[in-house]
């Protein structure tokens, strides 16, 4: 049987890893979304510039 102190540390470590994982996943997801939005804005700017010139 695992001592309570060690089990407590394991639970805290697991929760810490879980929180870090969620933060990294969220950050990556948000970064990808922002990158896609920036690309769409660049495309819209190109379209607007070409319509102004024509």
PDB file of N, CA and C in Angstrom:
ATOM      1  N   UNK A   1       0.842  -1.190   0.000  1.00  0.00           N
ATOM      2  CA  UNK A   1       0.000   0.000   0.000  1.00  0.00           C
ATOM      3  C   UNK A   1       0.887   1.254   0.000  1.00  0.00           C
ATOM      4  N   UNK A   2       0.479   2.264  -0.723  1.00  0.00           N
ATOM      5  CA  UNK A   2       1.245   3.500  -0.861  1.00  0.00           C
ATOM      6  C   UNK A   2       0.916   4.424   0.310  1.00  0.00           C
ATOM      7  N   UNK A   3       1.943   5.000   0.941  1.00  0.00           N
ATOM      8  CA  UNK A   3       1.680   5.930   2.049  1.00  0.00           C
ATOM      9  C   UNK A   3       0.859   7.134   1.574  1.00  0.00           C
ATOM     10  N   UNK A   4       0.075   7.683   2.473  1.00  0.00           N
ATOM     11  CA  UNK A   4      -0.822   8.800   2.141  1.00  0.00           C
ATOM     12  C   UNK A   4      -0.046  10.020   1.657  1.00  0.00           C
ATOM     13  N   UNK A   5       1.105  10.291   2.255  1.00  0.00           N
ATOM     14  CA  UNK A   5       1.900  11.462   1.859  1.00  0.00           C
ATOM     15  C   UNK A   5       2.354  11.341   0.399  1.00  0.00           C
ATOM     16  N   UNK A   6       2.815  10.141   0.032  1.00  0.00           N
ATOM     17  CA  UNK A   6       3.285   9.936  -1.336  1.00  0.00           C
ATOM     18  C   UNK A   6       2.120  10.006  -2.324  1.00  0.00           C
ATOM     19  N   UNK A   7       0.991   9.437  -1.917  1.00  0.00           N
ATOM     20  CA  UNK A   7      -0.194   9.487  -2.771  1.00  0.00           C
ATOM     21  C   UNK A   7      -0.645  10.927  -2.970  1.00  0.00           C
ATOM     22  N   UNK A   8      -0.563  11.746  -1.929  1.00  0.00           N
ATOM     23  CA  UNK A   8      -0.930  13.152  -2.020  1.00  0.00           C
ATOM     24  C   UNK A   8      -0.030  13.904  -2.982  1.00  0.00           C
ATOM     25  N   UNK A   9       1.270  13.625  -2.909  1.00  0.00           N
ATOM     26  CA  UNK A   9       2.213  14.271  -3.832  1.00  0.00           C
ATOM     27  C   UNK A   9       1.943  13.857  -5.273  1.00  0.00           C
ATOM     28  N   UNK A  10       1.595  12.592  -5.450  1.00  0.00           N
ATOM     29  CA  UNK A  10       1.301  12.090  -6.792  1.00  0.00           C
ATOM     30  C   UNK A  10       0.074  12.788  -7.365  1.00  0.00           C
ATOM     31  N   UNK A  11      -0.952  12.977  -6.555  1.00  0.00           N
ATOM     32  CA  UNK A  11      -2.168  13.651  -7.005  1.00  0.00           C
ATOM     33  C   UNK A  11      -1.857  15.105  -7.362  1.00  0.00           C
ATOM     34  N   UNK A  12      -1.080  15.778  -6.545  1.00  0.00           N
ATOM     35  CA  UNK A  12      -0.721  17.170  -6.816  1.00  0.00           C
ATOM     36  C   UNK A  12       0.105  17.260  -8.100  1.00  0.00           C
ATOM     37  N   UNK A  13       1.039  16.352  -8.279  1.00  0.00           N
ATOM     38  CA  UNK A  13       1.856  16.339  -9.486  1.00  0.00           C
ATOM     39  C   UNK A  13       0.986  16.079 -10.716  1.00  0.00           C
ATOM     40  N   UNK A  14       0.074  15.140 -10.612  1.00  0.00           N
ATOM     41  CA  UNK A  14      -0.834  14.844 -11.717  1.00  0.00           C
ATOM     42  C   UNK A  14      -1.671  16.072 -12.065  1.00  0.00           C
ATOM     43  N   UNK A  15      -2.196  16.752 -11.073  1.00  0.00           N
ATOM     44  CA  UNK A  15      -3.007  17.945 -11.320  1.00  0.00           C
ATOM     45  C   UNK A  15      -2.173  19.043 -11.969  1.00  0.00           C
ATOM     46  N   UNK A  16      -0.937  19.211 -11.540  1.00  0.00           N
ATOM     47  CA  UNK A  16      -0.045  20.199 -12.115  1.00  0.00           C
ATOM     48  C   UNK A  16       0.221  19.906 -13.591  1.00  0.00           C
ATOM     49  N   UNK A  17       0.520  18.649 -13.902  1.00  0.00           N
ATOM     50  CA  UNK A  17       0.762  18.258 -15.288  1.00  0.00           C
ATOM     51  C   UNK A  17      -0.500  18.465 -16.115  1.00  0.00           C
ATOM     52  N   UNK A  18      -1.655  18.155 -15.552  1.00  0.00           N
ATOM     53  CA  UNK A  18      -2.921  18.338 -16.246  1.00  0.00           C
ATOM     54  C   UNK A  18      -3.169  19.812 -16.564  1.00  0.00           C
ATOM     55  N   UNK A  19      -2.947  20.687 -15.601  1.00  0.00           N
ATOM     56  CA  UNK A  19      -3.162  22.126 -15.802  1.00  0.00           C
ATOM     57  C   UNK A  19      -2.196  22.665 -16.862  1.00  0.00           C
ATOM     58  N   UNK A  20      -0.947  22.245 -16.804  1.00  0.00           N
ATOM     59  CA  UNK A  20       0.033  22.691 -17.795  1.00  0.00           C
ATOM     60  C   UNK A  20      -0.355  22.193 -19.180  1.00  0.00           C
ATOM     61  N   UNK A  21      -0.795  20.958 -19.276  1.00  0.00           N
ATOM     62  CA  UNK A  21      -1.222  20.403 -20.561  1.00  0.00           C
ATOM     63  C   UNK A  21      -2.401  21.163 -21.143  1.00  0.00           C
ATOM     64  N   UNK A  22      -3.376  21.465 -20.316  1.00  0.00           N
ATOM     65  CA  UNK A  22      -4.547  22.212 -20.778  1.00  0.00           C
ATOM     66  C   UNK A  22      -4.125  23.610 -21.223  1.00  0.00           C
ATOM     67  N   UNK A  23      -3.246  24.242 -20.476  1.00  0.00           N
ATOM     68  CA  UNK A  23      -2.785  25.587 -20.838  1.00  0.00           C
ATOM     69  C   UNK A  23      -2.044  25.568 -22.179  1.00  0.00           C
ATOM     70  N   UNK A  24      -1.197  24.580 -22.389  1.00  0.00           N
ATOM     71  CA  UNK A  24      -0.469  24.488 -23.653  1.00  0.00           C
ATOM     72  C   UNK A  24      -1.407  24.205 -24.824  1.00  0.00           C
ATOM     73  N   UNK A  25      -2.368  23.315 -24.607  1.00  0.00           N
ATOM     74  CA  UNK A  25      -3.333  22.998 -25.658  1.00  0.00           C
ATOM     75  C   UNK A  25      -4.146  24.237 -26.026  1.00  0.00           C
ATOM     76  N   UNK A  26      -4.624  24.951 -25.010  1.00  0.00           N
ATOM     77  CA  UNK A  26      -5.429  26.149 -25.247  1.00  0.00           C
ATOM     78  C   UNK A  26      -4.606  27.213 -25.956  1.00  0.00           C
ATOM     79  N   UNK A  27      -3.384  27.385 -25.527  1.00  0.00           N
ATOM     80  CA  UNK A  27      -2.499  28.376 -26.149  1.00  0.00           C
ATOM     81  C   UNK A  27      -2.247  28.033 -27.617  1.00  0.00           C
ATOM     82  N   UNK A  28      -1.983  26.782 -27.907  1.00  0.00           N
ATOM     83  CA  UNK A  28      -1.752  26.364 -29.280  1.00  0.00           C
ATOM     84  C   UNK A  28      -2.988  26.530 -30.140  1.00  0.00           C
ATOM     85  N   UNK A  29      -4.132  26.178 -29.574  1.00  0.00           N
ATOM     86  CA  UNK A  29      -5.394  26.309 -30.307  1.00  0.00           C
ATOM     87  C   UNK A  29      -5.690  27.770 -30.607  1.00  0.00           C
ATOM     88  N   UNK A  30      -5.504  28.618 -29.629  1.00  0.00           N
ATOM     89  CA  UNK A  30      -5.746  30.048 -29.810  1.00  0.00           C
ATOM     90  C   UNK A  30      -4.764  30.636 -30.817  1.00  0.00           C
ATOM     91  N   UNK A  31      -3.525  30.232 -30.745  1.00  0.00           N
ATOM     92  CA  UNK A  31      -2.512  30.729 -31.673  1.00  0.00           C
ATOM     93  C   UNK A  31      -2.864  30.347 -33.105  1.00  0.00           C
ATOM     94  N   UNK A  32      -3.309  29.113 -33.289  1.00  0.00           N
ATOM     95  CA  UNK A  32      -3.675  28.659 -34.637  1.00  0.00           C
ATOM     96  C   UNK A  32      -4.873  29.443 -35.167  1.00  0.00           C
ATOM     97  N   UNK A  33      -5.858  29.698 -34.291  1.00  0.00           N
ATOM     98  CA  UNK A  33      -7.031  30.464 -34.702  1.00  0.00           C
ATOM     99  C   UNK A  33      -6.662  31.895 -35.078  1.00  0.00           C
ATOM    100  N   UNK A  34      -5.799  32.511 -34.273  1.00  0.00           N
ATOM    101  CA  UNK A  34      -5.378  33.881 -34.549  1.00  0.00           C
ATOM    102  C   UNK A  34      -4.577  33.938 -35.855  1.00  0.00           C
ATOM    103  N   UNK A  35      -3.764  32.933 -36.107  1.00  0.00           N
ATOM    104  CA  UNK A  35      -2.990  32.882 -37.335  1.00  0.00           C
ATOM    105  C   UNK A  35      -3.919  32.765 -38.540  1.00  0.00           C
ATOM    106  N   UNK A  36      -4.932  31.942 -38.435  1.00  0.00           N
ATOM    107  CA  UNK A  36      -5.899  31.794 -39.528  1.00  0.00           C
ATOM    108  C   UNK A  36      -6.647  33.107 -39.759  1.00  0.00           C
ATOM    109  N   UNK A  37      -6.987  33.790 -38.685  1.00  0.00           N
ATOM    110  CA  UNK A  37      -7.695  35.061 -38.818  1.00  0.00           C
ATOM    111  C   UNK A  37      -6.788  36.105 -39.480  1.00  0.00           C
ATOM    112  N   UNK A  38      -5.528  36.129 -39.089  1.00  0.00           N
ATOM    113  CA  UNK A  38      -4.587  37.083 -39.684  1.00  0.00           C
ATOM    114  C   UNK A  38      -4.413  36.797 -41.173  1.00  0.00           C
ATOM    115  N   UNK A  39      -4.359  35.534 -41.544  1.00  0.00           N
ATOM    116  CA  UNK A  39      -4.243  35.174 -42.962  1.00  0.00           C
ATOM    117  C   UNK A  39      -5.481  35.623 -43.727  1.00  0.00           C
ATOM    118  N   UNK A  40      -6.642  35.443 -43.154  1.00  0.00           N
ATOM    119  CA  UNK A  40      -7.881  35.879 -43.809  1.00  0.00           C
ATOM    120  C   UNK A  40      -7.893  37.395 -43.982  1.00  0.00           C
ATOM    121  N   UNK A  41      -7.415  38.119 -42.983  1.00  0.00           N
ATOM    122  CA  UNK A  41      -7.371  39.585 -43.086  1.00  0.00           C
ATOM    123  C   UNK A  41      -6.404  40.022 -44.190  1.00  0.00           C
ATOM    124  N   UNK A  42      -5.269  39.334 -44.320  1.00  0.00           N
ATOM    125  CA  UNK A  42      -4.319  39.657 -45.398  1.00  0.00           C
ATOM    126  C   UNK A  42      -4.958  39.418 -46.764  1.00  0.00           C
ATOM    127  N   UNK A  43      -5.700  38.328 -46.891  1.00  0.00           N
ATOM    128  CA  UNK A  43      -6.379  38.038 -48.155  1.00  0.00           C
ATOM    129  C   UNK A  43      -7.414  39.114 -48.467  1.00  0.00           C
ATOM    130  N   UNK A  44      -8.175  39.533 -47.455  1.00  0.00           N
ATOM    131  CA  UNK A  44      -9.160  40.585 -47.665  1.00  0.00           C
ATOM    132  C   UNK A  44      -8.494  41.902 -48.052  1.00  0.00           C
ATOM    133  N   UNK A  45      -7.349  42.200 -47.455  1.00  0.00           N
ATOM    134  CA  UNK A  45      -6.609  43.415 -47.820  1.00  0.00           C
ATOM    135  C   UNK A  45      -6.148  43.362 -49.278  1.00  0.00           C
ATOM    136  N   UNK A  46      -5.684  42.188 -49.717  1.00  0.00           N
ATOM    137  CA  UNK A  46      -5.264  42.041 -51.113  1.00  0.00           C
ATOM    138  C   UNK A  46      -6.447  42.281 -52.052  1.00  0.00           C
ATOM    139  N   UNK A  47      -7.587  41.711 -51.704  1.00  0.00           N
ATOM    140  CA  UNK A  47      -8.786  41.898 -52.531  1.00  0.00           C
ATOM    141  C   UNK A  47      -9.193  43.354 -52.574  1.00  0.00           C
ATOM    142  N   UNK A  48      -9.172  44.014 -51.416  1.00  0.00           N
ATOM    143  CA  UNK A  48      -9.552  45.426 -51.350  1.00  0.00           C
ATOM    144  C   UNK A  48      -8.580  46.287 -52.163  1.00  0.00           C
ATOM    145  N   UNK A  49      -7.280  45.980 -52.056  1.00  0.00           N
ATOM    146  CA  UNK A  49      -6.285  46.747 -52.828  1.00  0.00           C
ATOM    147  C   UNK A  49      -6.474  46.562 -54.323  1.00  0.00           C
ATOM    148  N   UNK A  50      -6.740  45.343 -54.746  1.00  0.00           N
ATOM    149  CA  UNK A  50      -6.914  45.099 -56.187  1.00  0.00           C
ATOM    150  C   UNK A  50      -8.193  45.748 -56.710  1.00  0.00           C
ATOM    151  N   UNK A  51      -9.233  45.830 -55.883  1.00  0.00           N
ATOM    152  CA  UNK A  51     -10.469  46.476 -56.342  1.00  0.00           C
ATOM    153  C   UNK A  51     -10.300  47.996 -56.396  1.00  0.00           C
ATOM    154  N   UNK A  52      -9.463  48.556 -55.533  1.00  0.00           N
ATOM    155  CA  UNK A  52      -9.186  49.998 -55.579  1.00  0.00           C
ATOM    156  C   UNK A  52      -8.409  50.382 -56.816  1.00  0.00           C
ATOM    157  N   UNK A  53      -7.473  49.537 -57.222  1.00  0.00           N
ATOM    158  CA  UNK A  53      -6.612  49.811 -58.375  1.00  0.00           C
ATOM    159  C   UNK A  53      -7.380  49.676 -59.686  1.00  0.00           C
ATOM    160  N   UNK A  54      -8.391  48.830 -59.694  1.00  0.00           N
ATOM    161  CA  UNK A  54      -9.129  48.567 -60.952  1.00  0.00           C
ATOM    162  C   UNK A  54     -10.168  49.617 -61.252  1.00  0.00           C
TER     163      UNK A  54
END
